[in-house]
Amino acid sequence: MCRSIHRLREGVEAADDDAVREAARQYVRKVSGFGRPTDRHRAAFDRAVDDVATVTRRLLDEVTLTLAS
């Protein structure tokens, strides 16, 4: 679906927050159909990016922690 999103974890090394946020932005762009959201949709778009980035960071932290143990 999102071929331009790069893998965010290699072994026990997880991507930094900037890479996670960019991947979240790419995902929300793809799902929403907005390359650039209109002013009307900006708040919803930004919230979705925040939510996806938060969940992605949590996943990476938990998976990486498990692998490092």
N, C-alpha and C. Protein backbone atom coordinates (compact mmCIF):
# COMPACT_ATOMS: atom_id res chain seq x y z
N MET A 1 0.82 -1.20 0.00
CA MET A 1 0.00 0.00 0.00
C MET A 1 0.86 1.25 0.00
N CYS A 2 1.81 1.34 0.92
CA CYS A 2 2.66 2.53 1.01
C CYS A 2 4.09 2.13 0.72
N ARG A 3 4.39 1.94 -0.52
CA ARG A 3 5.72 1.47 -0.89
C ARG A 3 6.82 2.45 -0.52
N SER A 4 6.50 3.73 -0.37
CA SER A 4 7.52 4.72 -0.07
C SER A 4 7.88 4.77 1.42
N ILE A 5 7.12 4.07 2.26
CA ILE A 5 7.45 4.02 3.68
C ILE A 5 8.54 2.97 3.87
N HIS A 6 9.63 3.40 4.46
CA HIS A 6 10.75 2.52 4.68
C HIS A 6 10.57 1.73 5.97
N ARG A 7 11.22 0.60 6.04
CA ARG A 7 11.21 -0.21 7.26
C ARG A 7 11.77 0.65 8.39
N LEU A 8 11.10 0.62 9.53
CA LEU A 8 11.50 1.47 10.64
C LEU A 8 12.26 0.73 11.74
N ARG A 9 12.51 -0.56 11.51
CA ARG A 9 13.27 -1.33 12.49
C ARG A 9 14.14 -2.33 11.77
N GLU A 10 15.39 -2.36 12.15
CA GLU A 10 16.34 -3.36 11.66
C GLU A 10 16.94 -4.03 12.87
N GLY A 11 16.56 -5.27 13.14
CA GLY A 11 17.06 -5.95 14.33
C GLY A 11 16.59 -5.24 15.58
N VAL A 12 17.53 -4.85 16.43
CA VAL A 12 17.16 -4.13 17.66
C VAL A 12 17.29 -2.62 17.49
N GLU A 13 17.58 -2.17 16.30
CA GLU A 13 17.71 -0.74 16.03
C GLU A 13 16.41 -0.20 15.44
N ALA A 14 15.78 0.72 16.16
CA ALA A 14 14.54 1.34 15.68
C ALA A 14 14.83 2.74 15.16
N ALA A 15 13.98 3.19 14.26
CA ALA A 15 14.13 4.52 13.67
C ALA A 15 13.95 5.61 14.71
N ASP A 16 14.50 6.78 14.41
CA ASP A 16 14.31 7.91 15.32
C ASP A 16 12.92 8.52 15.13
N ASP A 17 12.57 9.45 16.00
CA ASP A 17 11.22 10.03 15.99
C ASP A 17 10.90 10.76 14.68
N ASP A 18 11.90 11.39 14.07
CA ASP A 18 11.65 12.08 12.80
C ASP A 18 11.25 11.10 11.70
N ALA A 19 11.92 9.96 11.63
CA ALA A 19 11.59 8.95 10.63
C ALA A 19 10.21 8.35 10.89
N VAL A 20 9.88 8.15 12.17
CA VAL A 20 8.56 7.62 12.53
C VAL A 20 7.48 8.61 12.11
N ARG A 21 7.68 9.88 12.38
CA ARG A 21 6.68 10.90 12.05
C ARG A 21 6.52 11.01 10.53
N GLU A 22 7.60 10.95 9.79
CA GLU A 22 7.51 11.03 8.33
C GLU A 22 6.76 9.83 7.77
N ALA A 23 7.01 8.66 8.30
CA ALA A 23 6.28 7.47 7.86
C ALA A 23 4.79 7.61 8.19
N ALA A 24 4.49 8.15 9.36
CA ALA A 24 3.09 8.37 9.75
C ALA A 24 2.42 9.36 8.78
N ARG A 25 3.14 10.41 8.43
CA ARG A 25 2.60 11.41 7.49
C ARG A 25 2.34 10.77 6.13
N GLN A 26 3.26 9.94 5.65
CA GLN A 26 3.08 9.28 4.37
C GLN A 26 1.87 8.34 4.40
N TYR A 27 1.72 7.63 5.50
CA TYR A 27 0.59 6.71 5.65
C TYR A 27 -0.73 7.48 5.62
N VAL A 28 -0.82 8.56 6.38
CA VAL A 28 -2.06 9.34 6.44
C VAL A 28 -2.34 9.98 5.08
N ARG A 29 -1.33 10.44 4.39
CA ARG A 29 -1.53 10.97 3.04
C ARG A 29 -2.16 9.92 2.13
N LYS A 30 -1.62 8.71 2.19
CA LYS A 30 -2.10 7.64 1.32
C LYS A 30 -3.54 7.27 1.67
N VAL A 31 -3.81 7.08 2.95
CA VAL A 31 -5.15 6.66 3.37
C VAL A 31 -6.19 7.74 3.11
N SER A 32 -5.83 9.00 3.39
CA SER A 32 -6.79 10.10 3.25
C SER A 32 -6.97 10.56 1.81
N GLY A 33 -5.97 10.30 0.98
CA GLY A 33 -6.02 10.79 -0.38
C GLY A 33 -5.56 12.24 -0.53
N PHE A 34 -5.06 12.82 0.56
CA PHE A 34 -4.57 14.20 0.53
C PHE A 34 -3.05 14.21 0.46
N GLY A 35 -2.51 14.79 -0.59
CA GLY A 35 -1.08 15.06 -0.60
C GLY A 35 -0.80 16.20 0.35
N ARG A 36 -1.65 17.19 0.27
CA ARG A 36 -1.65 18.33 1.19
C ARG A 36 -3.10 18.57 1.58
N PRO A 37 -3.41 18.43 2.85
CA PRO A 37 -4.81 18.63 3.25
C PRO A 37 -5.22 20.08 3.10
N THR A 38 -6.49 20.27 2.85
CA THR A 38 -7.03 21.63 2.77
C THR A 38 -7.08 22.21 4.18
N ASP A 39 -7.28 23.51 4.28
CA ASP A 39 -7.40 24.14 5.59
C ASP A 39 -8.53 23.50 6.40
N ARG A 40 -9.58 23.14 5.72
CA ARG A 40 -10.73 22.52 6.38
C ARG A 40 -10.37 21.18 7.02
N HIS A 41 -9.46 20.45 6.42
CA HIS A 41 -9.12 19.12 6.89
C HIS A 41 -7.79 19.05 7.65
N ARG A 42 -7.10 20.15 7.76
CA ARG A 42 -5.76 20.18 8.36
C ARG A 42 -5.74 19.62 9.79
N ALA A 43 -6.66 20.02 10.64
CA ALA A 43 -6.66 19.57 12.04
C ALA A 43 -6.84 18.06 12.13
N ALA A 44 -7.77 17.52 11.36
CA ALA A 44 -8.00 16.07 11.37
C ALA A 44 -6.77 15.34 10.84
N PHE A 45 -6.18 15.85 9.79
CA PHE A 45 -4.99 15.25 9.20
C PHE A 45 -3.84 15.23 10.21
N ASP A 46 -3.60 16.38 10.85
CA ASP A 46 -2.51 16.48 11.82
C ASP A 46 -2.74 15.57 13.03
N ARG A 47 -3.98 15.47 13.49
CA ARG A 47 -4.29 14.55 14.60
C ARG A 47 -4.02 13.11 14.20
N ALA A 48 -4.39 12.76 12.99
CA ALA A 48 -4.16 11.39 12.51
C ALA A 48 -2.66 11.11 12.44
N VAL A 49 -1.87 12.04 11.96
CA VAL A 49 -0.42 11.86 11.90
C VAL A 49 0.12 11.66 13.32
N ASP A 50 -0.33 12.50 14.26
CA ASP A 50 0.12 12.36 15.65
C ASP A 50 -0.24 10.98 16.21
N ASP A 51 -1.48 10.55 15.97
CA ASP A 51 -1.93 9.26 16.49
C ASP A 51 -1.13 8.10 15.90
N VAL A 52 -0.94 8.12 14.60
CA VAL A 52 -0.20 7.04 13.94
C VAL A 52 1.26 7.03 14.42
N ALA A 53 1.86 8.20 14.56
CA ALA A 53 3.25 8.28 15.03
C ALA A 53 3.36 7.75 16.46
N THR A 54 2.41 8.09 17.31
CA THR A 54 2.43 7.63 18.70
C THR A 54 2.33 6.11 18.78
N VAL A 55 1.39 5.55 18.05
CA VAL A 55 1.19 4.10 18.07
C VAL A 55 2.40 3.39 17.45
N THR A 56 2.94 3.95 16.40
CA THR A 56 4.12 3.36 15.76
C THR A 56 5.31 3.36 16.69
N ARG A 57 5.54 4.48 17.38
CA ARG A 57 6.65 4.57 18.33
C ARG A 57 6.47 3.54 19.44
N ARG A 58 5.24 3.39 19.95
CA ARG A 58 4.98 2.42 21.01
C ARG A 58 5.28 1.00 20.52
N LEU A 59 4.83 0.69 19.31
CA LEU A 59 5.09 -0.63 18.74
C LEU A 59 6.59 -0.87 18.62
N LEU A 60 7.31 0.07 18.05
CA LEU A 60 8.75 -0.10 17.86
C LEU A 60 9.46 -0.25 19.20
N ASP A 61 9.06 0.56 20.19
CA ASP A 61 9.69 0.47 21.50
C ASP A 61 9.45 -0.90 22.12
N GLU A 62 8.22 -1.39 22.03
CA GLU A 62 7.90 -2.69 22.65
C GLU A 62 8.58 -3.85 21.92
N VAL A 63 8.60 -3.81 20.60
CA VAL A 63 9.23 -4.87 19.83
C VAL A 63 10.75 -4.84 20.04
N THR A 64 11.32 -3.68 20.01
CA THR A 64 12.77 -3.54 20.18
C THR A 64 13.18 -3.97 21.58
N LEU A 65 12.40 -3.60 22.59
CA LEU A 65 12.69 -3.99 23.96
C LEU A 65 12.65 -5.51 24.10
N THR A 66 11.65 -6.13 23.49
CA THR A 66 11.52 -7.58 23.54
C THR A 66 12.70 -8.25 22.87
N LEU A 67 13.14 -7.73 21.74
CA LEU A 67 14.26 -8.34 21.02
C LEU A 67 15.57 -8.17 21.78
N ALA A 68 15.71 -7.06 22.48
CA ALA A 68 16.95 -6.78 23.20
C ALA A 68 17.07 -7.62 24.48
N SER A 69 15.97 -8.14 24.97
CA SER A 69 15.97 -8.91 26.23
C SER A 69 16.51 -10.31 26.04
